[in-house]
PDB file of N, CA and C in Angstrom:
ATOM      1  N   UNK A   1      41.553  78.496 -23.002  1.00  0.00           N
ATOM      2  CA  UNK A   1      40.630  79.948 -22.886  1.00  0.00           C
ATOM      3  C   UNK A   1      41.277  80.519 -21.731  1.00  0.00           C
ATOM      4  N   UNK A   2      41.185  82.096 -21.571  1.00  0.00           N
ATOM      5  CA  UNK A   2      41.362  82.776 -20.830  1.00  0.00           C
ATOM      6  C   UNK A   2      40.978  83.017 -19.724  1.00  0.00           C
ATOM      7  N   UNK A   3      41.317  83.758 -18.634  1.00  0.00           N
ATOM      8  CA  UNK A   3      40.586  84.039 -17.352  1.00  0.00           C
ATOM      9  C   UNK A   3      39.238  84.918 -17.920  1.00  0.00           C
ATOM     10  N   UNK A   4      39.099  85.288 -18.632  1.00  0.00           N
ATOM     11  CA  UNK A   4      37.646  86.026 -19.073  1.00  0.00           C
ATOM     12  C   UNK A   4      36.727  84.937 -20.297  1.00  0.00           C
ATOM     13  N   UNK A   5      37.461  83.668 -20.041  1.00  0.00           N
ATOM     14  CA  UNK A   5      36.010  82.573 -21.032  1.00  0.00           C
ATOM     15  C   UNK A   5      36.168  83.199 -22.165  1.00  0.00           C
ATOM     16  N   UNK A   6      37.293  83.196 -23.237  1.00  0.00           N
ATOM     17  CA  UNK A   6      37.518  83.734 -24.661  1.00  0.00           C
ATOM     18  C   UNK A   6      38.603  82.712 -25.195  1.00  0.00           C
ATOM     19  N   UNK A   7      38.117  82.731 -26.073  1.00  0.00           N
ATOM     20  CA  UNK A   7      39.589  81.920 -26.918  1.00  0.00           C
ATOM     21  C   UNK A   7      40.834  82.757 -27.140  1.00  0.00           C
ATOM     22  N   UNK A   8      41.670  82.446 -26.724  1.00  0.00           N
ATOM     23  CA  UNK A   8      43.075  83.391 -27.253  1.00  0.00           C
ATOM     24  C   UNK A   8      43.333  83.360 -28.736  1.00  0.00           C
ATOM     25  N   UNK A   9      43.276  84.520 -29.252  1.00  0.00           N
ATOM     26  CA  UNK A   9      43.946  85.185 -30.618  1.00  0.00           C
ATOM     27  C   UNK A   9      42.952  85.842 -31.580  1.00  0.00           C
ATOM     28  N   UNK A  10      41.291  85.513 -30.642  1.00  0.00           N
ATOM     29  CA  UNK A  10      39.940  85.508 -31.018  1.00  0.00           C
ATOM     30  C   UNK A  10      39.819  87.032 -30.671  1.00  0.00           C
ATOM     31  N   UNK A  11      39.935  88.226 -31.493  1.00  0.00           N
ATOM     32  CA  UNK A  11      39.059  89.622 -31.074  1.00  0.00           C
ATOM     33  C   UNK A  11      37.580  89.233 -31.299  1.00  0.00           C
ATOM     34  N   UNK A  12      36.947  89.887 -30.439  1.00  0.00           N
ATOM     35  CA  UNK A  12      35.333  90.309 -30.666  1.00  0.00           C
ATOM     36  C   UNK A  12      35.540  91.389 -31.409  1.00  0.00           C
ATOM     37  N   UNK A  13      34.692  91.810 -32.261  1.00  0.00           N
ATOM     38  CA  UNK A  13      34.253  93.491 -32.914  1.00  0.00           C
ATOM     39  C   UNK A  13      34.650  95.093 -31.595  1.00  0.00           C
ATOM     40  N   UNK A  14      34.126  94.631 -30.084  1.00  0.00           N
ATOM     41  CA  UNK A  14      34.151  95.048 -28.823  1.00  0.00           C
ATOM     42  C   UNK A  14      35.414  95.529 -28.843  1.00  0.00           C
ATOM     43  N   UNK A  15      36.402  94.323 -28.505  1.00  0.00           N
ATOM     44  CA  UNK A  15      37.258  94.417 -28.186  1.00  0.00           C
ATOM     45  C   UNK A  15      38.458  94.770 -29.546  1.00  0.00           C
ATOM     46  N   UNK A  16      38.015  94.864 -30.539  1.00  0.00           N
ATOM     47  CA  UNK A  16      38.847  95.134 -31.927  1.00  0.00           C
ATOM     48  C   UNK A  16      38.841  97.062 -31.418  1.00  0.00           C
ATOM     49  N   UNK A  17      37.316  97.331 -31.487  1.00  0.00           N
ATOM     50  CA  UNK A  17      37.087  99.119 -31.455  1.00  0.00           C
ATOM     51  C   UNK A  17      38.146  99.139 -30.233  1.00  0.00           C
ATOM     52  N   UNK A  18      37.948  98.857 -28.965  1.00  0.00           N
ATOM     53  CA  UNK A  18      38.160  99.355 -27.766  1.00  0.00           C
ATOM     54  C   UNK A  18      39.656  99.345 -27.831  1.00  0.00           C
ATOM     55  N   UNK A  19      40.579  98.434 -28.523  1.00  0.00           N
ATOM     56  CA  UNK A  19      41.924  97.964 -28.602  1.00  0.00           C
ATOM     57  C   UNK A  19      42.663  99.352 -29.794  1.00  0.00           C
ATOM     58  N   UNK A  20      41.566 100.374 -30.996  1.00  0.00           N
ATOM     59  CA  UNK A  20      42.217 101.020 -31.779  1.00  0.00           C
ATOM     60  C   UNK A  20      42.065 102.205 -31.581  1.00  0.00           C
ATOM     61  N   UNK A  21      41.357 101.816 -29.929  1.00  0.00           N
ATOM     62  CA  UNK A  21      41.227 103.986 -29.718  1.00  0.00           C
ATOM     63  C   UNK A  21      42.138 104.404 -29.573  1.00  0.00           C
ATOM     64  N   UNK A  22      42.290 105.543 -29.251  1.00  0.00           N
ATOM     65  CA  UNK A  22      43.995 106.023 -27.971  1.00  0.00           C
ATOM     66  C   UNK A  22      43.259 105.973 -26.988  1.00  0.00           C
ATOM     67  N   UNK A  23      44.976 105.069 -26.652  1.00  0.00           N
ATOM     68  CA  UNK A  23      44.549 104.534 -25.202  1.00  0.00           C
ATOM     69  C   UNK A  23      45.960 105.062 -23.457  1.00  0.00           C
ATOM     70  N   UNK A  24      46.311 106.321 -24.432  1.00  0.00           N
ATOM     71  CA  UNK A  24      47.422 106.587 -23.154  1.00  0.00           C
ATOM     72  C   UNK A  24      47.112 108.280 -22.261  1.00  0.00           C
ATOM     73  N   UNK A  25      46.355 107.465 -21.936  1.00  0.00           N
ATOM     74  CA  UNK A  25      45.497 108.677 -20.212  1.00  0.00           C
ATOM     75  C   UNK A  25      45.978 110.089 -21.043  1.00  0.00           C
ATOM     76  N   UNK A  26      45.265 109.989 -22.445  1.00  0.00           N
ATOM     77  CA  UNK A  26      45.066 111.682 -22.699  1.00  0.00           C
ATOM     78  C   UNK A  26      43.793 111.849 -22.393  1.00  0.00           C
ATOM     79  N   UNK A  27      42.599 112.540 -23.140  1.00  0.00           N
ATOM     80  CA  UNK A  27      41.396 113.296 -22.822  1.00  0.00           C
ATOM     81  C   UNK A  27      40.520 112.868 -23.376  1.00  0.00           C
ATOM     82  N   UNK A  28      39.215 112.655 -23.364  1.00  0.00           N
ATOM     83  CA  UNK A  28      38.679 111.830 -24.614  1.00  0.00           C
ATOM     84  C   UNK A  28      37.998 112.619 -25.192  1.00  0.00           C
ATOM     85  N   UNK A  29      37.535 113.966 -24.759  1.00  0.00           N
ATOM     86  CA  UNK A  29      37.729 115.262 -25.383  1.00  0.00           C
ATOM     87  C   UNK A  29      38.355 116.439 -25.419  1.00  0.00           C
ATOM     88  N   UNK A  30      39.225 116.436 -26.321  1.00  0.00           N
ATOM     89  CA  UNK A  30      39.968 117.716 -25.925  1.00  0.00           C
ATOM     90  C   UNK A  30      39.371 119.011 -26.205  1.00  0.00           C
ATOM     91  N   UNK A  31      39.499 120.409 -25.684  1.00  0.00           N
ATOM     92  CA  UNK A  31      39.835 121.508 -26.030  1.00  0.00           C
ATOM     93  C   UNK A  31      39.096 122.090 -27.594  1.00  0.00           C
ATOM     94  N   UNK A  32      40.533 121.211 -28.196  1.00  0.00           N
ATOM     95  CA  UNK A  32      40.215 122.245 -29.670  1.00  0.00           C
ATOM     96  C   UNK A  32      39.464 121.149 -30.459  1.00  0.00           C
ATOM     97  N   UNK A  33      39.238 120.541 -30.248  1.00  0.00           N
ATOM     98  CA  UNK A  33      38.167 119.209 -30.728  1.00  0.00           C
ATOM     99  C   UNK A  33      37.496 120.208 -31.763  1.00  0.00           C
ATOM    100  N   UNK A  34      36.434 121.312 -31.303  1.00  0.00           N
ATOM    101  CA  UNK A  34      34.922 121.375 -32.455  1.00  0.00           C
ATOM    102  C   UNK A  34      35.824 122.664 -32.603  1.00  0.00           C
ATOM    103  N   UNK A  35      37.398 122.740 -33.099  1.00  0.00           N
ATOM    104  CA  UNK A  35      37.619 123.648 -33.732  1.00  0.00           C
ATOM    105  C   UNK A  35      37.655 123.442 -35.257  1.00  0.00           C
ATOM    106  N   UNK A  36      37.617 122.760 -35.911  1.00  0.00           N
ATOM    107  CA  UNK A  36      37.896 122.709 -37.276  1.00  0.00           C
ATOM    108  C   UNK A  36      36.391 122.411 -37.803  1.00  0.00           C
ATOM    109  N   UNK A  37      35.162 122.690 -36.839  1.00  0.00           N
ATOM    110  CA  UNK A  37      33.822 121.900 -36.803  1.00  0.00           C
ATOM    111  C   UNK A  37      33.434 124.270 -37.047  1.00  0.00           C
ATOM    112  N   UNK A  38      33.836 124.645 -36.142  1.00  0.00           N
ATOM    113  CA  UNK A  38      33.743 125.798 -36.283  1.00  0.00           C
ATOM    114  C   UNK A  38      34.347 126.641 -37.445  1.00  0.00           C
ATOM    115  N   UNK A  39      35.323 126.358 -38.065  1.00  0.00           N
ATOM    116  CA  UNK A  39      36.065 126.689 -39.136  1.00  0.00           C
ATOM    117  C   UNK A  39      35.044 126.618 -40.470  1.00  0.00           C
ATOM    118  N   UNK A  40      34.230 125.456 -40.438  1.00  0.00           N
ATOM    119  CA  UNK A  40      33.718 124.963 -41.485  1.00  0.00           C
ATOM    120  C   UNK A  40      32.734 125.589 -41.909  1.00  0.00           C
ATOM    121  N   UNK A  41      32.155 125.912 -40.533  1.00  0.00           N
ATOM    122  CA  UNK A  41      30.347 126.431 -40.062  1.00  0.00           C
ATOM    123  C   UNK A  41      31.086 128.051 -40.748  1.00  0.00           C
ATOM    124  N   UNK A  42      31.549 128.565 -40.218  1.00  0.00           N
ATOM    125  CA  UNK A  42      31.964 129.932 -40.023  1.00  0.00           C
ATOM    126  C   UNK A  42      32.382 130.552 -41.569  1.00  0.00           C
ATOM    127  N   UNK A  43      33.179 129.644 -42.408  1.00  0.00           N
ATOM    128  CA  UNK A  43      33.883 129.975 -43.850  1.00  0.00           C
ATOM    129  C   UNK A  43      32.336 129.318 -44.685  1.00  0.00           C
ATOM    130  N   UNK A  44      31.350 128.537 -44.216  1.00  0.00           N
ATOM    131  CA  UNK A  44      29.979 128.179 -45.216  1.00  0.00           C
ATOM    132  C   UNK A  44      29.398 129.058 -44.897  1.00  0.00           C
ATOM    133  N   UNK A  45      29.133 129.870 -43.851  1.00  0.00           N
ATOM    134  CA  UNK A  45      28.419 131.047 -43.794  1.00  0.00           C
ATOM    135  C   UNK A  45      29.063 132.647 -44.252  1.00  0.00           C
ATOM    136  N   UNK A  46      29.766 132.687 -44.039  1.00  0.00           N
ATOM    137  CA  UNK A  46      30.571 133.301 -45.007  1.00  0.00           C
ATOM    138  C   UNK A  46      30.688 133.100 -46.804  1.00  0.00           C
ATOM    139  N   UNK A  47      30.692 132.560 -46.415  1.00  0.00           N
ATOM    140  CA  UNK A  47      30.588 131.796 -48.497  1.00  0.00           C
ATOM    141  C   UNK A  47      29.473 132.637 -48.578  1.00  0.00           C
ATOM    142  N   UNK A  48      28.276 131.648 -48.278  1.00  0.00           N
ATOM    143  CA  UNK A  48      26.682 132.286 -48.780  1.00  0.00           C
ATOM    144  C   UNK A  48      26.580 133.784 -48.195  1.00  0.00           C
ATOM    145  N   UNK A  49      26.862 134.784 -46.931  1.00  0.00           N
ATOM    146  CA  UNK A  49      26.775 135.657 -47.247  1.00  0.00           C
ATOM    147  C   UNK A  49      27.681 136.445 -48.503  1.00  0.00           C
ATOM    148  N   UNK A  50      28.853 136.032 -48.278  1.00  0.00           N
ATOM    149  CA  UNK A  50      29.585 137.032 -49.723  1.00  0.00           C
ATOM    150  C   UNK A  50      28.443 137.195 -51.148  1.00  0.00           C
ATOM    151  N   UNK A  51      28.447 135.781 -51.295  1.00  0.00           N
ATOM    152  CA  UNK A  51      27.782 135.134 -52.815  1.00  0.00           C
ATOM    153  C   UNK A  51      26.073 135.779 -52.972  1.00  0.00           C
ATOM    154  N   UNK A  52      26.013 136.337 -51.446  1.00  0.00           N
ATOM    155  CA  UNK A  52      24.373 136.915 -51.276  1.00  0.00           C
ATOM    156  C   UNK A  52      22.904 134.809 -51.480  1.00  0.00           C
ATOM    157  N   UNK A  53      24.102 134.074 -51.587  1.00  0.00           N
ATOM    158  CA  UNK A  53      22.931 132.757 -51.703  1.00  0.00           C
ATOM    159  C   UNK A  53      22.195 132.677 -50.510  1.00  0.00           C
ATOM    160  N   UNK A  54      22.305 133.766 -49.299  1.00  0.00           N
ATOM    161  CA  UNK A  54      21.789 133.633 -47.855  1.00  0.00           C
ATOM    162  C   UNK A  54      22.392 134.308 -46.853  1.00  0.00           C
ATOM    163  N   UNK A  55      21.972 134.530 -46.110  1.00  0.00           N
ATOM    164  CA  UNK A  55      22.864 135.588 -44.929  1.00  0.00           C
ATOM    165  C   UNK A  55      22.976 134.975 -43.704  1.00  0.00           C
ATOM    166  N   UNK A  56      24.379 135.765 -42.968  1.00  0.00           N
ATOM    167  CA  UNK A  56      25.230 134.847 -42.243  1.00  0.00           C
ATOM    168  C   UNK A  56      24.299 133.630 -41.242  1.00  0.00           C
ATOM    169  N   UNK A  57      23.801 134.563 -39.870  1.00  0.00           N
ATOM    170  CA  UNK A  57      23.275 133.962 -39.211  1.00  0.00           C
ATOM    171  C   UNK A  57      21.950 132.781 -39.197  1.00  0.00           C
ATOM    172  N   UNK A  58      21.241 133.027 -39.988  1.00  0.00           N
ATOM    173  CA  UNK A  58      20.402 131.935 -40.668  1.00  0.00           C
ATOM    174  C   UNK A  58      21.619 130.449 -40.978  1.00  0.00           C
ATOM    175  N   UNK A  59      22.148 131.138 -42.162  1.00  0.00           N
ATOM    176  CA  UNK A  59      23.094 130.032 -42.702  1.00  0.00           C
ATOM    177  C   UNK A  59      23.892 129.124 -41.515  1.00  0.00           C
ATOM    178  N   UNK A  60      24.179 129.788 -40.324  1.00  0.00           N
ATOM    179  CA  UNK A  60      25.315 129.664 -39.321  1.00  0.00           C
ATOM    180  C   UNK A  60      24.564 127.992 -38.608  1.00  0.00           C
ATOM    181  N   UNK A  61      22.997 128.868 -38.582  1.00  0.00           N
ATOM    182  CA  UNK A  61      22.537 128.213 -37.570  1.00  0.00           C
ATOM    183  C   UNK A  61      21.992 126.801 -38.518  1.00  0.00           C
ATOM    184  N   UNK A  62      21.275 126.813 -39.313  1.00  0.00           N
ATOM    185  CA  UNK A  62      21.725 125.575 -40.540  1.00  0.00           C
ATOM    186  C   UNK A  62      21.445 125.749 -41.951  1.00  0.00           C
ATOM    187  N   UNK A  63      22.299 125.272 -42.322  1.00  0.00           N
ATOM    188  CA  UNK A  63      23.343 123.641 -42.314  1.00  0.00           C
ATOM    189  C   UNK A  63      24.173 123.553 -41.346  1.00  0.00           C
ATOM    190  N   UNK A  64      24.166 124.939 -40.530  1.00  0.00           N
ATOM    191  CA  UNK A  64      25.749 124.534 -39.939  1.00  0.00           C
ATOM    192  C   UNK A  64      25.824 124.109 -38.176  1.00  0.00           C
ATOM    193  N   UNK A  65      24.532 124.113 -38.089  1.00  0.00           N
ATOM    194  CA  UNK A  65      24.669 122.602 -36.940  1.00  0.00           C
ATOM    195  C   UNK A  65      24.952 121.409 -37.925  1.00  0.00           C
ATOM    196  N   UNK A  66      24.603 121.023 -38.847  1.00  0.00           N
ATOM    197  CA  UNK A  66      24.418 120.079 -39.121  1.00  0.00           C
ATOM    198  C   UNK A  66      26.547 119.742 -39.671  1.00  0.00           C
ATOM    199  N   UNK A  67      26.718 120.426 -40.162  1.00  0.00           N
ATOM    200  CA  UNK A  67      28.533 120.639 -40.633  1.00  0.00           C
ATOM    201  C   UNK A  67      28.685 121.232 -39.374  1.00  0.00           C
ATOM    202  N   UNK A  68      28.786 121.448 -38.191  1.00  0.00           N
ATOM    203  CA  UNK A  68      29.144 121.564 -37.004  1.00  0.00           C
ATOM    204  C   UNK A  68      29.618 120.089 -36.898  1.00  0.00           C
ATOM    205  N   UNK A  69      28.531 119.349 -36.476  1.00  0.00           N
ATOM    206  CA  UNK A  69      28.456 118.003 -35.564  1.00  0.00           C
ATOM    207  C   UNK A  69      29.089 116.985 -36.774  1.00  0.00           C
ATOM    208  N   UNK A  70      28.938 116.550 -37.885  1.00  0.00           N
ATOM    209  CA  UNK A  70      29.490 116.060 -38.636  1.00  0.00           C
ATOM    210  C   UNK A  70      31.130 116.537 -38.854  1.00  0.00           C
ATOM    211  N   UNK A  71      31.331 117.689 -39.137  1.00  0.00           N
ATOM    212  CA  UNK A  71      33.376 117.540 -38.870  1.00  0.00           C
ATOM    213  C   UNK A  71      33.727 117.670 -37.395  1.00  0.00           C
ATOM    214  N   UNK A  72      32.945 118.033 -36.881  1.00  0.00           N
ATOM    215  CA  UNK A  72      33.360 117.549 -34.999  1.00  0.00           C
ATOM    216  C   UNK A  72      33.638 115.546 -35.098  1.00  0.00           C
ATOM    217  N   UNK A  73      32.609 115.030 -35.800  1.00  0.00           N
ATOM    218  CA  UNK A  73      32.798 113.783 -35.396  1.00  0.00           C
ATOM    219  C   UNK A  73      34.017 113.507 -36.244  1.00  0.00           C
ATOM    220  N   UNK A  74      33.705 113.969 -37.471  1.00  0.00           N
ATOM    221  CA  UNK A  74      35.182 113.356 -38.427  1.00  0.00           C
ATOM    222  C   UNK A  74      36.561 113.233 -37.475  1.00  0.00           C
ATOM    223  N   UNK A  75      36.453 114.772 -37.184  1.00  0.00           N
ATOM    224  CA  UNK A  75      37.492 114.960 -36.322  1.00  0.00           C
ATOM    225  C   UNK A  75      38.050 114.226 -35.516  1.00  0.00           C
ATOM    226  N   UNK A  76      37.312 114.203 -34.212  1.00  0.00           N
ATOM    227  CA  UNK A  76      36.801 113.083 -33.540  1.00  0.00           C
ATOM    228  C   UNK A  76      37.202 111.355 -33.668  1.00  0.00           C
ATOM    229  N   UNK A  77      36.878 111.010 -34.357  1.00  0.00           N
ATOM    230  CA  UNK A  77      37.037 109.447 -34.875  1.00  0.00           C
ATOM    231  C   UNK A  77      38.600 109.912 -35.347  1.00  0.00           C
ATOM    232  N   UNK A  78      38.670 110.676 -36.171  1.00  0.00           N
ATOM    233  CA  UNK A  78      40.467 110.396 -36.323  1.00  0.00           C
ATOM    234  C   UNK A  78      41.612 110.739 -36.203  1.00  0.00           C
ATOM    235  N   UNK A  79      41.141 111.382 -34.883  1.00  0.00           N
ATOM    236  CA  UNK A  79      42.017 111.316 -33.713  1.00  0.00           C
ATOM    237  C   UNK A  79      41.672 110.481 -32.779  1.00  0.00           C
ATOM    238  N   UNK A  80      40.795 109.605 -32.632  1.00  0.00           N
ATOM    239  CA  UNK A  80      40.803 108.418 -31.869  1.00  0.00           C
ATOM    240  C   UNK A  80      41.690 107.792 -32.225  1.00  0.00           C
ATOM    241  N   UNK A  81      41.039 107.383 -33.694  1.00  0.00           N
ATOM    242  CA  UNK A  81      41.627 105.786 -34.622  1.00  0.00           C
ATOM    243  C   UNK A  81      42.192 105.865 -35.245  1.00  0.00           C
ATOM    244  N   UNK A  82      43.432 107.715 -34.950  1.00  0.00           N
ATOM    245  CA  UNK A  82      44.578 107.932 -35.740  1.00  0.00           C
ATOM    246  C   UNK A  82      44.653 107.319 -36.764  1.00  0.00           C
ATOM    247  N   UNK A  83      43.614 108.273 -37.582  1.00  0.00           N
ATOM    248  CA  UNK A  83      43.572 108.073 -39.230  1.00  0.00           C
ATOM    249  C   UNK A  83      44.473 109.044 -40.073  1.00  0.00           C
ATOM    250  N   UNK A  84      45.525 108.616 -40.903  1.00  0.00           N
ATOM    251  CA  UNK A  84      46.427 109.004 -41.442  1.00  0.00           C
ATOM    252  C   UNK A  84      45.417 109.406 -43.150  1.00  0.00           C
TER     253      UNK A  84
END
Protein backbone atom coordinates (compact mmCIF):
# COMPACT_ATOMS: atom_id res chain seq x y z
CA UNK A 1 0.00 0.00 0.00
CA UNK A 2 1.15 3.55 -0.66
CA UNK A 3 1.04 6.50 1.73
CA UNK A 4 -2.63 7.21 0.95
CA UNK A 5 -3.67 3.75 2.05
CA UNK A 6 -4.63 2.49 -1.40
CA UNK A 7 -3.33 -0.44 -3.35
CA UNK A 8 -0.82 0.34 -6.03
CA UNK A 9 -1.93 -0.06 -9.63
CA UNK A 10 -5.61 0.36 -8.82
CA UNK A 11 -7.37 3.67 -9.43
CA UNK A 12 -10.68 4.74 -8.03
CA UNK A 13 -13.25 6.37 -10.30
CA UNK A 14 -12.51 9.75 -8.74
CA UNK A 15 -8.75 9.43 -9.37
CA UNK A 16 -9.39 8.30 -12.94
CA UNK A 17 -11.56 11.35 -13.67
CA UNK A 18 -9.10 13.67 -11.95
CA UNK A 19 -6.24 12.26 -14.05
CA UNK A 20 -8.31 12.60 -17.27
CA UNK A 21 -8.82 16.35 -16.90
CA UNK A 22 -6.30 18.76 -18.36
CA UNK A 23 -3.88 19.73 -15.63
CA UNK A 24 -1.16 21.94 -17.05
CA UNK A 25 -1.80 25.26 -15.30
CA UNK A 26 -4.48 26.36 -17.74
CA UNK A 27 -7.64 28.15 -16.68
CA UNK A 28 -10.58 25.89 -15.90
CA UNK A 29 -13.05 28.16 -17.71
CA UNK A 30 -11.40 30.20 -20.47
CA UNK A 31 -13.07 33.23 -22.05
CA UNK A 32 -13.62 31.52 -25.43
CA UNK A 33 -15.62 28.64 -23.95
CA UNK A 34 -19.13 30.18 -24.27
CA UNK A 35 -18.60 31.12 -27.94
CA UNK A 36 -19.77 27.82 -29.51
CA UNK A 37 -22.95 27.99 -27.42
CA UNK A 38 -23.59 31.62 -28.37
CA UNK A 39 -23.04 30.85 -32.06
CA UNK A 40 -25.47 27.92 -31.86
CA UNK A 41 -28.13 30.05 -30.12
CA UNK A 42 -27.83 32.95 -32.56
CA UNK A 43 -27.81 30.55 -35.51
CA UNK A 44 -30.90 28.69 -34.30
CA UNK A 45 -32.82 31.88 -33.49
CA UNK A 46 -31.89 33.41 -36.86
CA UNK A 47 -32.99 30.24 -38.66
CA UNK A 48 -36.33 30.25 -36.83
CA UNK A 49 -36.81 33.96 -37.64
CA UNK A 50 -35.99 33.52 -41.33
CA UNK A 51 -38.29 30.51 -41.79
CA UNK A 52 -41.17 32.21 -39.99
CA UNK A 53 -41.35 29.55 -37.30
CA UNK A 54 -40.72 31.98 -34.46
CA UNK A 55 -39.45 35.40 -33.45
CA UNK A 56 -35.74 35.93 -32.78
CA UNK A 57 -35.78 37.07 -29.14
CA UNK A 58 -38.25 34.51 -27.70
CA UNK A 59 -36.45 31.72 -29.57
CA UNK A 60 -33.10 32.98 -28.30
CA UNK A 61 -34.41 32.93 -24.73
CA UNK A 62 -36.05 29.50 -24.96
CA UNK A 63 -34.88 26.98 -26.21
CA UNK A 64 -31.79 29.19 -26.63
CA UNK A 65 -30.90 28.93 -22.94
CA UNK A 66 -30.94 25.13 -23.09
CA UNK A 67 -28.93 25.11 -26.33
CA UNK A 68 -26.36 27.43 -24.76
CA UNK A 69 -25.98 25.32 -21.60
CA UNK A 70 -25.71 22.02 -23.47
CA UNK A 71 -23.28 23.37 -26.09
CA UNK A 72 -21.12 24.99 -23.41
CA UNK A 73 -21.10 21.78 -21.34
CA UNK A 74 -20.15 19.68 -24.38
CA UNK A 75 -17.41 22.18 -25.30
CA UNK A 76 -16.01 22.25 -21.77
CA UNK A 77 -16.02 18.47 -21.39
CA UNK A 78 -14.49 18.00 -24.83
CA UNK A 79 -11.77 20.51 -24.02
CA UNK A 80 -11.06 19.18 -20.54
CA UNK A 81 -11.06 15.53 -21.52
CA UNK A 82 -9.29 16.26 -24.83
CA UNK A 83 -11.87 14.36 -26.85
CA UNK A 84 -10.83 14.24 -30.49
